[in-house]
Every structure is written in C-alpha cells, then in structure tokens.
Amino acid sequence: MTDNELLLAISNMMDEKLDSKLKPMESQLTGLKEDVAVLKKKVNGIELKLETEINHNIKVIAEGHLDLSRKLNEAVHLASDIKAKQEIQDLLIRSHETELKIRNIS
C-alpha cells in the first residue's frame, strides 16, 4: 500500500466517523428548526391578537373611563351647586324662624 492509498483510507475512515457523529446532530438541528418555526407562528399569532383585539378593547375601556370621569365631574359640580343652594335656604329658614320668634314674643 502506498502512502497516498494509506492517506486516502485514513481520510475515508475519518469521514465515516465524522458522518456518523454529524447525522444525529443534523436530525437534532432539524428538530430545533421545526420547533423554532412553530414558536414563530405562535408569537406571530399572539402579536396579531395584541394588535387587533387587546388594543381595541383597551381603547374601548379608556373611552368608557373618560365618559365615567366626565359624568362624575358633572355629578360633583351638580352636588356642589345643590349644597350651596341648600346652605342659602338654611340661612333663609333660620332668618325667618328668628323673625317669627321675635314677632311671637312681641
């Protein structure tokens, strides 16, 4: 056997060993690629749901909150007006009571 034939035989043996070790790694890599593809699909679905449904629902809730806030401000303002009028009425009633008592005493 010549040196070239020996080197060729050694090279072939090394290639076979490498191939036998790389084959399982290739199948694992293929499995990982498939898993990543599935994950990408799920993430895209989640992003789409966020962009369409959840963002829309947040806007609807925010609009409802704004309406409630306006109504609350109106109610507080109305209550303040009513309280001010009630205080004036109480003063007038006390004034009239005092005047009636003075008239009844005289």
N, C-alpha and C. Protein backbone atom coordinates (compact mmCIF):
# COMPACT_ATOMS: atom_id res chain seq x y z
N MET A 1 0.84 -1.16 0.00
CA MET A 1 0.00 0.00 0.00
C MET A 1 0.90 1.24 0.00
N THR A 2 0.58 2.15 -0.88
CA THR A 2 1.39 3.36 -0.98
C THR A 2 0.93 4.37 0.05
N ASP A 3 1.73 5.40 0.21
CA ASP A 3 1.39 6.45 1.17
C ASP A 3 0.06 7.13 0.80
N ASN A 4 -0.12 7.37 -0.48
CA ASN A 4 -1.36 8.02 -0.93
C ASN A 4 -2.57 7.15 -0.63
N GLU A 5 -2.45 5.86 -0.87
CA GLU A 5 -3.57 4.96 -0.59
C GLU A 5 -3.86 4.92 0.91
N LEU A 6 -2.80 4.93 1.70
CA LEU A 6 -2.96 4.92 3.15
C LEU A 6 -3.64 6.20 3.63
N LEU A 7 -3.20 7.33 3.10
CA LEU A 7 -3.82 8.62 3.45
C LEU A 7 -5.28 8.66 3.02
N LEU A 8 -5.55 8.11 1.87
CA LEU A 8 -6.93 8.07 1.37
C LEU A 8 -7.79 7.18 2.26
N ALA A 9 -7.28 6.06 2.70
CA ALA A 9 -8.01 5.15 3.59
C ALA A 9 -8.28 5.83 4.93
N ILE A 10 -7.25 6.50 5.46
CA ILE A 10 -7.42 7.22 6.74
C ILE A 10 -8.45 8.33 6.58
N SER A 11 -8.38 9.04 5.47
CA SER A 11 -9.33 10.12 5.19
C SER A 11 -10.76 9.59 5.11
N ASN A 12 -10.93 8.45 4.45
CA ASN A 12 -12.26 7.84 4.33
C ASN A 12 -12.78 7.41 5.71
N MET A 13 -11.90 6.84 6.53
CA MET A 13 -12.32 6.42 7.86
C MET A 13 -12.74 7.63 8.71
N MET A 14 -11.99 8.70 8.59
CA MET A 14 -12.31 9.93 9.33
C MET A 14 -13.65 10.50 8.87
N ASP A 15 -13.85 10.50 7.55
CA ASP A 15 -15.11 10.99 7.01
C ASP A 15 -16.29 10.17 7.51
N GLU A 16 -16.12 8.85 7.56
CA GLU A 16 -17.19 7.97 8.04
C GLU A 16 -17.49 8.24 9.50
N LYS A 17 -16.44 8.41 10.32
CA LYS A 17 -16.64 8.70 11.74
C LYS A 17 -17.34 10.05 11.92
N LEU A 18 -16.87 11.03 11.16
CA LEU A 18 -17.50 12.36 11.24
C LEU A 18 -18.95 12.28 10.82
N ASP A 19 -19.21 11.58 9.73
CA ASP A 19 -20.59 11.45 9.25
C ASP A 19 -21.46 10.77 10.30
N SER A 20 -20.94 9.73 10.93
CA SER A 20 -21.72 9.01 11.94
C SER A 20 -22.01 9.90 13.16
N LYS A 21 -21.11 10.83 13.45
CA LYS A 21 -21.32 11.74 14.58
C LYS A 21 -22.18 12.94 14.18
N LEU A 22 -22.10 13.36 12.93
CA LEU A 22 -22.85 14.53 12.48
C LEU A 22 -24.31 14.21 12.18
N LYS A 23 -24.62 12.99 11.79
CA LYS A 23 -26.00 12.63 11.44
C LYS A 23 -26.98 12.88 12.59
N PRO A 24 -26.67 12.41 13.81
CA PRO A 24 -27.60 12.70 14.92
C PRO A 24 -27.73 14.20 15.18
N MET A 25 -26.62 14.90 15.04
CA MET A 25 -26.67 16.35 15.25
C MET A 25 -27.54 17.02 14.20
N GLU A 26 -27.47 16.56 12.98
CA GLU A 26 -28.29 17.14 11.92
C GLU A 26 -29.77 16.91 12.19
N SER A 27 -30.12 15.71 12.66
CA SER A 27 -31.53 15.43 12.95
C SER A 27 -32.00 16.29 14.14
N GLN A 28 -31.14 16.48 15.13
CA GLN A 28 -31.49 17.35 16.24
C GLN A 28 -31.67 18.79 15.78
N LEU A 29 -30.79 19.22 14.90
CA LEU A 29 -30.88 20.57 14.36
C LEU A 29 -32.17 20.76 13.56
N THR A 30 -32.54 19.74 12.81
CA THR A 30 -33.79 19.81 12.06
C THR A 30 -34.98 19.92 13.02
N GLY A 31 -34.93 19.14 14.10
CA GLY A 31 -35.98 19.23 15.11
C GLY A 31 -36.06 20.61 15.74
N LEU A 32 -34.91 21.19 16.01
CA LEU A 32 -34.87 22.55 16.59
C LEU A 32 -35.43 23.58 15.62
N LYS A 33 -35.10 23.41 14.35
CA LYS A 33 -35.62 24.34 13.34
C LYS A 33 -37.14 24.26 13.28
N GLU A 34 -37.67 23.05 13.37
CA GLU A 34 -39.12 22.88 13.35
C GLU A 34 -39.76 23.52 14.58
N ASP A 35 -39.13 23.32 15.73
CA ASP A 35 -39.64 23.92 16.97
C ASP A 35 -39.63 25.45 16.88
N VAL A 36 -38.57 26.00 16.35
CA VAL A 36 -38.47 27.46 16.20
C VAL A 36 -39.55 27.97 15.25
N ALA A 37 -39.82 27.22 14.19
CA ALA A 37 -40.86 27.62 13.24
C ALA A 37 -42.22 27.63 13.93
N VAL A 38 -42.49 26.63 14.75
CA VAL A 38 -43.76 26.59 15.49
C VAL A 38 -43.86 27.76 16.46
N LEU A 39 -42.75 28.04 17.16
CA LEU A 39 -42.74 29.16 18.09
C LEU A 39 -42.96 30.50 17.37
N LYS A 40 -42.33 30.66 16.21
CA LYS A 40 -42.52 31.89 15.44
C LYS A 40 -43.98 32.06 15.06
N LYS A 41 -44.61 30.98 14.67
CA LYS A 41 -46.02 31.04 14.28
C LYS A 41 -46.89 31.44 15.48
N LYS A 42 -46.60 30.86 16.65
CA LYS A 42 -47.36 31.20 17.84
C LYS A 42 -47.14 32.66 18.24
N VAL A 43 -45.91 33.12 18.19
CA VAL A 43 -45.60 34.50 18.54
C VAL A 43 -46.31 35.47 17.59
N ASN A 44 -46.29 35.14 16.31
CA ASN A 44 -47.00 35.99 15.34
C ASN A 44 -48.49 36.05 15.66
N GLY A 45 -49.07 34.90 16.05
CA GLY A 45 -50.47 34.88 16.42
C GLY A 45 -50.75 35.74 17.64
N ILE A 46 -49.86 35.67 18.62
CA ILE A 46 -50.01 36.48 19.83
C ILE A 46 -49.89 37.96 19.49
N GLU A 47 -48.93 38.32 18.67
CA GLU A 47 -48.76 39.72 18.28
C GLU A 47 -49.99 40.23 17.54
N LEU A 48 -50.51 39.42 16.66
CA LEU A 48 -51.71 39.81 15.91
C LEU A 48 -52.88 40.03 16.85
N LYS A 49 -53.04 39.12 17.82
CA LYS A 49 -54.13 39.26 18.79
C LYS A 49 -53.96 40.53 19.61
N LEU A 50 -52.71 40.82 20.01
CA LEU A 50 -52.44 42.05 20.76
C LEU A 50 -52.81 43.28 19.95
N GLU A 51 -52.38 43.28 18.70
CA GLU A 51 -52.61 44.45 17.86
C GLU A 51 -54.08 44.67 17.56
N THR A 52 -54.83 43.61 17.37
CA THR A 52 -56.23 43.77 16.96
C THR A 52 -57.17 43.78 18.15
N GLU A 53 -57.29 42.69 18.84
CA GLU A 53 -58.30 42.55 19.87
C GLU A 53 -57.98 43.32 21.15
N ILE A 54 -56.80 43.09 21.70
CA ILE A 54 -56.49 43.66 23.01
C ILE A 54 -56.35 45.17 22.94
N ASN A 55 -55.66 45.69 21.93
CA ASN A 55 -55.54 47.14 21.80
C ASN A 55 -56.90 47.79 21.60
N HIS A 56 -57.76 47.14 20.81
CA HIS A 56 -59.11 47.67 20.59
C HIS A 56 -59.88 47.69 21.91
N ASN A 57 -59.80 46.60 22.66
CA ASN A 57 -60.52 46.53 23.94
C ASN A 57 -60.00 47.57 24.93
N ILE A 58 -58.71 47.80 24.93
CA ILE A 58 -58.15 48.83 25.81
C ILE A 58 -58.70 50.21 25.44
N LYS A 59 -58.79 50.49 24.13
CA LYS A 59 -59.34 51.77 23.70
C LYS A 59 -60.80 51.91 24.13
N VAL A 60 -61.58 50.84 24.00
CA VAL A 60 -62.99 50.88 24.40
C VAL A 60 -63.10 51.15 25.90
N ILE A 61 -62.28 50.48 26.68
CA ILE A 61 -62.29 50.70 28.14
C ILE A 61 -61.89 52.13 28.47
N ALA A 62 -60.87 52.63 27.77
CA ALA A 62 -60.42 54.01 28.02
C ALA A 62 -61.52 55.02 27.70
N GLU A 63 -62.23 54.78 26.59
CA GLU A 63 -63.32 55.69 26.23
C GLU A 63 -64.42 55.65 27.29
N GLY A 64 -64.74 54.45 27.77
CA GLY A 64 -65.75 54.31 28.82
C GLY A 64 -65.30 55.00 30.09
N HIS A 65 -64.03 54.88 30.42
CA HIS A 65 -63.48 55.53 31.60
C HIS A 65 -63.60 57.05 31.47
N LEU A 66 -63.31 57.57 30.29
CA LEU A 66 -63.40 59.00 30.07
C LEU A 66 -64.83 59.48 30.26
N ASP A 67 -65.81 58.72 29.72
CA ASP A 67 -67.22 59.08 29.89
C ASP A 67 -67.60 59.07 31.37
N LEU A 68 -67.16 58.04 32.09
CA LEU A 68 -67.46 57.97 33.53
C LEU A 68 -66.83 59.14 34.28
N SER A 69 -65.62 59.49 33.89
CA SER A 69 -64.94 60.61 34.54
C SER A 69 -65.71 61.91 34.31
N ARG A 70 -66.18 62.11 33.09
CA ARG A 70 -66.97 63.32 32.79
C ARG A 70 -68.25 63.34 33.60
N LYS A 71 -68.94 62.20 33.66
CA LYS A 71 -70.19 62.13 34.42
C LYS A 71 -69.95 62.38 35.90
N LEU A 72 -68.86 61.85 36.42
CA LEU A 72 -68.53 62.08 37.82
C LEU A 72 -68.27 63.57 38.06
N ASN A 73 -67.53 64.20 37.18
CA ASN A 73 -67.26 65.64 37.33
C ASN A 73 -68.56 66.43 37.28
N GLU A 74 -69.47 66.06 36.39
CA GLU A 74 -70.78 66.73 36.32
C GLU A 74 -71.56 66.53 37.61
N ALA A 75 -71.55 65.29 38.14
CA ALA A 75 -72.28 64.99 39.37
C ALA A 75 -71.69 65.77 40.55
N VAL A 76 -70.37 65.85 40.62
CA VAL A 76 -69.72 66.60 41.70
C VAL A 76 -70.08 68.09 41.60
N HIS A 77 -70.07 68.61 40.40
CA HIS A 77 -70.43 70.02 40.20
C HIS A 77 -71.88 70.26 40.59
N LEU A 78 -72.78 69.36 40.16
CA LEU A 78 -74.19 69.49 40.49
C LEU A 78 -74.40 69.39 42.00
N ALA A 79 -73.71 68.46 42.65
CA ALA A 79 -73.83 68.31 44.10
C ALA A 79 -73.33 69.56 44.80
N SER A 80 -72.27 70.15 44.29
CA SER A 80 -71.76 71.38 44.87
C SER A 80 -72.78 72.52 44.75
N ASP A 81 -73.40 72.62 43.58
CA ASP A 81 -74.44 73.64 43.38
C ASP A 81 -75.62 73.43 44.33
N ILE A 82 -76.03 72.17 44.47
CA ILE A 82 -77.16 71.85 45.34
C ILE A 82 -76.81 72.18 46.78
N LYS A 83 -75.60 71.85 47.20
CA LYS A 83 -75.18 72.15 48.56
C LYS A 83 -75.16 73.65 48.82
N ALA A 84 -74.68 74.42 47.85
CA ALA A 84 -74.66 75.88 48.01
C ALA A 84 -76.08 76.43 48.14
N LYS A 85 -77.00 75.94 47.32
CA LYS A 85 -78.40 76.39 47.40
C LYS A 85 -79.03 75.98 48.72
N GLN A 86 -78.70 74.79 49.19
CA GLN A 86 -79.24 74.31 50.46
C GLN A 86 -78.74 75.18 51.61
N GLU A 87 -77.48 75.58 51.55
CA GLU A 87 -76.95 76.45 52.61
C GLU A 87 -77.68 77.79 52.62
N ILE A 88 -77.95 78.32 51.43
CA ILE A 88 -78.69 79.59 51.34
C ILE A 88 -80.10 79.41 51.90
N GLN A 89 -80.75 78.29 51.56
CA GLN A 89 -82.10 78.02 52.07
C GLN A 89 -82.08 77.87 53.58
N ASP A 90 -81.07 77.17 54.11
CA ASP A 90 -80.96 77.04 55.56
C ASP A 90 -80.82 78.40 56.23
N LEU A 91 -80.02 79.28 55.64
CA LEU A 91 -79.87 80.63 56.20
C LEU A 91 -81.19 81.40 56.16
N LEU A 92 -81.90 81.27 55.07
CA LEU A 92 -83.20 81.95 54.96
C LEU A 92 -84.21 81.40 55.97
N ILE A 93 -84.22 80.08 56.14
CA ILE A 93 -85.14 79.47 57.09
C ILE A 93 -84.81 79.94 58.50
N ARG A 94 -83.55 79.95 58.86
CA ARG A 94 -83.15 80.41 60.19
C ARG A 94 -83.54 81.88 60.38
N SER A 95 -83.32 82.65 59.35
CA SER A 95 -83.68 84.07 59.42
C SER A 95 -85.18 84.23 59.63
N HIS A 96 -85.98 83.48 58.90
CA HIS A 96 -87.44 83.56 59.05
C HIS A 96 -87.88 83.03 60.42
N GLU A 97 -87.24 81.95 60.90
CA GLU A 97 -87.57 81.43 62.23
C GLU A 97 -87.29 82.48 63.30
N THR A 98 -86.14 83.12 63.17
CA THR A 98 -85.77 84.15 64.13
C THR A 98 -86.77 85.30 64.07
N GLU A 99 -87.16 85.70 62.89
CA GLU A 99 -88.13 86.80 62.73
C GLU A 99 -89.48 86.41 63.29
N LEU A 100 -89.92 85.16 63.08
CA LEU A 100 -91.19 84.70 63.63
C LEU A 100 -91.14 84.65 65.14
N LYS A 101 -90.03 84.21 65.71
CA LYS A 101 -89.91 84.17 67.17
C LYS A 101 -89.97 85.56 67.75
N ILE A 102 -89.34 86.51 67.08
CA ILE A 102 -89.34 87.90 67.56
C ILE A 102 -90.78 88.43 67.49
N ARG A 103 -91.50 88.12 66.44
CA ARG A 103 -92.89 88.58 66.30
C ARG A 103 -93.78 87.95 67.35
N ASN A 104 -93.58 86.68 67.63
CA ASN A 104 -94.41 86.00 68.62
C ASN A 104 -94.14 86.51 70.04
N ILE A 105 -92.94 86.94 70.31
CA ILE A 105 -92.58 87.43 71.62
C ILE A 105 -93.19 88.83 71.81
N SER A 106 -93.21 89.62 70.77
CA SER A 106 -93.71 90.99 70.90
C SER A 106 -95.20 91.08 71.04
